[in-house]
């Protein structure tokens, strides 16, 4: 099984920045997609950004241009640099890892809280 552990959340003022990290351990296959999702109070979970092992990225429109996702394949770690934070960014941010081969898998971390004050 794959275990994901996030870190780096906290309380920041609007316009501030944070750096989130997620370390994956366990049986991790070479081809995978790691990403960040978030869930605000009373809202559904939504995709923030994803990145493949090859470095291809995808961002939600709401964060494009402000957030940057990256990964270190050797360390099995994915990062999310969050800039120009808005109160609307307040949420629990979850790390995710998906695989399709040789087995289909979908793994989640416990989440890290990001709170943006206005």
C-alpha atoms as a PDB file:
ATOM      1  CA  UNK A   1       0.000   0.000   0.000  1.00  0.00           C
ATOM      2  CA  UNK A   2       0.997   3.613  -0.571  1.00  0.00           C
ATOM      3  CA  UNK A   3       1.100   6.068   2.294  1.00  0.00           C
ATOM      4  CA  UNK A   4       1.036   9.832   1.729  1.00  0.00           C
ATOM      5  CA  UNK A   5       1.951  12.413   4.353  1.00  0.00           C
ATOM      6  CA  UNK A   6       1.411  16.130   3.785  1.00  0.00           C
ATOM      7  CA  UNK A   7       3.047  19.027   5.578  1.00  0.00           C
ATOM      8  CA  UNK A   8       3.425  22.776   5.282  1.00  0.00           C
ATOM      9  CA  UNK A   9      -0.051  24.088   5.922  1.00  0.00           C
ATOM     10  CA  UNK A  10      -0.689  27.016   8.190  1.00  0.00           C
ATOM     11  CA  UNK A  11      -2.288  30.399   8.731  1.00  0.00           C
ATOM     12  CA  UNK A  12      -1.282  33.254   6.435  1.00  0.00           C
ATOM     13  CA  UNK A  13      -2.589  36.662   5.473  1.00  0.00           C
ATOM     14  CA  UNK A  14      -4.160  37.328   2.104  1.00  0.00           C
ATOM     15  CA  UNK A  15      -1.433  37.829  -0.456  1.00  0.00           C
ATOM     16  CA  UNK A  16       0.959  35.568   1.391  1.00  0.00           C
ATOM     17  CA  UNK A  17       2.545  32.291   0.380  1.00  0.00           C
ATOM     18  CA  UNK A  18       3.055  28.767   1.650  1.00  0.00           C
ATOM     19  CA  UNK A  19       4.943  25.698   0.487  1.00  0.00           C
ATOM     20  CA  UNK A  20       3.215  22.343   0.870  1.00  0.00           C
ATOM     21  CA  UNK A  21       4.982  19.004   0.658  1.00  0.00           C
ATOM     22  CA  UNK A  22       3.780  15.424   0.350  1.00  0.00           C
ATOM     23  CA  UNK A  23       5.998  12.388   0.777  1.00  0.00           C
ATOM     24  CA  UNK A  24       4.893   9.035  -0.611  1.00  0.00           C
ATOM     25  CA  UNK A  25       6.104   5.712   0.736  1.00  0.00           C
ATOM     26  CA  UNK A  26       5.305   2.073   0.112  1.00  0.00           C
ATOM     27  CA  UNK A  27       4.873   0.197  -3.148  1.00  0.00           C
ATOM     28  CA  UNK A  28       5.078   3.056  -5.634  1.00  0.00           C
ATOM     29  CA  UNK A  29       5.120   2.187  -9.324  1.00  0.00           C
ATOM     30  CA  UNK A  30       7.136   4.287 -11.726  1.00  0.00           C
ATOM     31  CA  UNK A  31       4.242   5.658 -13.769  1.00  0.00           C
ATOM     32  CA  UNK A  32       1.926   7.705 -11.628  1.00  0.00           C
ATOM     33  CA  UNK A  33       0.202  11.029 -11.265  1.00  0.00           C
ATOM     34  CA  UNK A  34       0.505  12.989  -8.052  1.00  0.00           C
ATOM     35  CA  UNK A  35      -1.622  15.945  -7.230  1.00  0.00           C
ATOM     36  CA  UNK A  36      -3.264  18.228  -4.761  1.00  0.00           C
ATOM     37  CA  UNK A  37      -6.948  18.532  -4.034  1.00  0.00           C
ATOM     38  CA  UNK A  38      -8.711  20.699  -1.510  1.00  0.00           C
ATOM     39  CA  UNK A  39     -11.942  20.738   0.437  1.00  0.00           C
ATOM     40  CA  UNK A  40     -13.337  23.893   1.972  1.00  0.00           C
ATOM     41  CA  UNK A  41     -15.854  23.720   4.827  1.00  0.00           C
ATOM     42  CA  UNK A  42     -19.244  22.750   3.465  1.00  0.00           C
ATOM     43  CA  UNK A  43     -17.854  22.266  -0.045  1.00  0.00           C
ATOM     44  CA  UNK A  44     -16.977  19.300  -2.204  1.00  0.00           C
ATOM     45  CA  UNK A  45     -13.422  18.225  -2.802  1.00  0.00           C
ATOM     46  CA  UNK A  46     -11.929  19.863  -5.883  1.00  0.00           C
ATOM     47  CA  UNK A  47      -8.806  19.374  -7.930  1.00  0.00           C
ATOM     48  CA  UNK A  48      -6.078  21.964  -7.454  1.00  0.00           C
ATOM     49  CA  UNK A  49      -3.194  20.670  -9.559  1.00  0.00           C
ATOM     50  CA  UNK A  50      -1.667  17.429 -10.828  1.00  0.00           C
ATOM     51  CA  UNK A  51       1.737  16.447 -12.159  1.00  0.00           C
ATOM     52  CA  UNK A  52       2.922  13.308 -13.941  1.00  0.00           C
ATOM     53  CA  UNK A  53       6.261  11.572 -13.500  1.00  0.00           C
ATOM     54  CA  UNK A  54       7.243  13.229 -16.776  1.00  0.00           C
ATOM     55  CA  UNK A  55       6.484  16.674 -15.411  1.00  0.00           C
ATOM     56  CA  UNK A  56       3.251  17.444 -17.232  1.00  0.00           C
ATOM     57  CA  UNK A  57       1.057  19.687 -15.092  1.00  0.00           C
ATOM     58  CA  UNK A  58      -2.580  20.611 -14.899  1.00  0.00           C
ATOM     59  CA  UNK A  59      -4.121  23.379 -12.798  1.00  0.00           C
ATOM     60  CA  UNK A  60      -7.574  24.427 -11.796  1.00  0.00           C
ATOM     61  CA  UNK A  61      -8.546  27.761 -13.321  1.00  0.00           C
ATOM     62  CA  UNK A  62      -8.935  29.272  -9.864  1.00  0.00           C
ATOM     63  CA  UNK A  63      -5.263  28.738  -9.003  1.00  0.00           C
ATOM     64  CA  UNK A  64      -3.549  28.933 -12.384  1.00  0.00           C
ATOM     65  CA  UNK A  65      -0.859  31.579 -12.318  1.00  0.00           C
ATOM     66  CA  UNK A  66      -0.718  31.624  -8.516  1.00  0.00           C
ATOM     67  CA  UNK A  67       0.105  28.034  -7.545  1.00  0.00           C
ATOM     68  CA  UNK A  68       2.998  25.913  -8.778  1.00  0.00           C
ATOM     69  CA  UNK A  69       3.168  22.133  -8.523  1.00  0.00           C
ATOM     70  CA  UNK A  70       6.440  20.229  -8.786  1.00  0.00           C
ATOM     71  CA  UNK A  71       7.827  16.835  -7.860  1.00  0.00           C
ATOM     72  CA  UNK A  72      11.022  15.000  -7.077  1.00  0.00           C
ATOM     73  CA  UNK A  73      10.685  11.486  -8.445  1.00  0.00           C
ATOM     74  CA  UNK A  74      13.767  10.235  -6.623  1.00  0.00           C
ATOM     75  CA  UNK A  75      12.287  11.366  -3.315  1.00  0.00           C
ATOM     76  CA  UNK A  76       8.701  10.384  -4.175  1.00  0.00           C
ATOM     77  CA  UNK A  77       7.671  13.839  -3.093  1.00  0.00           C
ATOM     78  CA  UNK A  78       5.285  16.357  -4.599  1.00  0.00           C
ATOM     79  CA  UNK A  79       5.254  20.044  -3.731  1.00  0.00           C
ATOM     80  CA  UNK A  80       2.764  22.849  -4.054  1.00  0.00           C
ATOM     81  CA  UNK A  81       3.906  26.444  -3.838  1.00  0.00           C
ATOM     82  CA  UNK A  82       0.893  28.618  -3.151  1.00  0.00           C
ATOM     83  CA  UNK A  83       1.302  32.333  -3.847  1.00  0.00           C
ATOM     84  CA  UNK A  84      -0.974  35.362  -3.744  1.00  0.00           C
ATOM     85  CA  UNK A  85      -3.303  33.517  -1.418  1.00  0.00           C
ATOM     86  CA  UNK A  86      -6.919  34.576  -1.145  1.00  0.00           C
ATOM     87  CA  UNK A  87      -9.429  33.844   1.616  1.00  0.00           C
ATOM     88  CA  UNK A  88     -11.213  31.617  -0.905  1.00  0.00           C
ATOM     89  CA  UNK A  89      -8.151  29.353  -0.867  1.00  0.00           C
ATOM     90  CA  UNK A  90      -8.864  28.376   2.734  1.00  0.00           C
ATOM     91  CA  UNK A  91      -9.328  24.611   2.786  1.00  0.00           C
ATOM     92  CA  UNK A  92      -7.835  21.310   3.780  1.00  0.00           C
ATOM     93  CA  UNK A  93      -5.352  20.388   1.078  1.00  0.00           C
ATOM     94  CA  UNK A  94      -5.008  16.685   0.298  1.00  0.00           C
ATOM     95  CA  UNK A  95      -2.204  14.916  -1.503  1.00  0.00           C
ATOM     96  CA  UNK A  96      -3.157  12.257  -4.041  1.00  0.00           C
ATOM     97  CA  UNK A  97      -1.342   9.571  -6.016  1.00  0.00           C
ATOM     98  CA  UNK A  98      -2.940   7.629  -8.870  1.00  0.00           C
ATOM     99  CA  UNK A  99      -1.605   4.658 -10.818  1.00  0.00           C
ATOM    100  CA  UNK A 100      -2.941   2.698 -13.783  1.00  0.00           C
ATOM    101  CA  UNK A 101      -0.274   0.048 -14.344  1.00  0.00           C
ATOM    102  CA  UNK A 102       0.408  -2.611 -13.288  1.00  0.00           C
ATOM    103  CA  UNK A 103      -2.424  -1.945 -10.843  1.00  0.00           C
ATOM    104  CA  UNK A 104      -4.982   0.796 -10.710  1.00  0.00           C
ATOM    105  CA  UNK A 105      -4.696   2.695  -7.465  1.00  0.00           C
ATOM    106  CA  UNK A 106      -5.940   5.869  -5.834  1.00  0.00           C
ATOM    107  CA  UNK A 107      -4.268   6.973  -2.614  1.00  0.00           C
ATOM    108  CA  UNK A 108      -4.858   9.934  -0.341  1.00  0.00           C
ATOM    109  CA  UNK A 109      -3.056  11.689   2.456  1.00  0.00           C
ATOM    110  CA  UNK A 110      -4.613  12.944   5.658  1.00  0.00           C
ATOM    111  CA  UNK A 111      -4.668  16.576   4.569  1.00  0.00           C
ATOM    112  CA  UNK A 112      -3.043  19.778   5.764  1.00  0.00           C
ATOM    113  CA  UNK A 113      -4.989  22.893   6.696  1.00  0.00           C
ATOM    114  CA  UNK A 114      -4.401  26.150   4.840  1.00  0.00           C
ATOM    115  CA  UNK A 115      -6.137  29.171   6.327  1.00  0.00           C
ATOM    116  CA  UNK A 116      -5.973  32.577   4.651  1.00  0.00           C
ATOM    117  CA  UNK A 117      -7.072  35.593   6.668  1.00  0.00           C
ATOM    118  CA  UNK A 118      -8.371  38.813   5.131  1.00  0.00           C
END
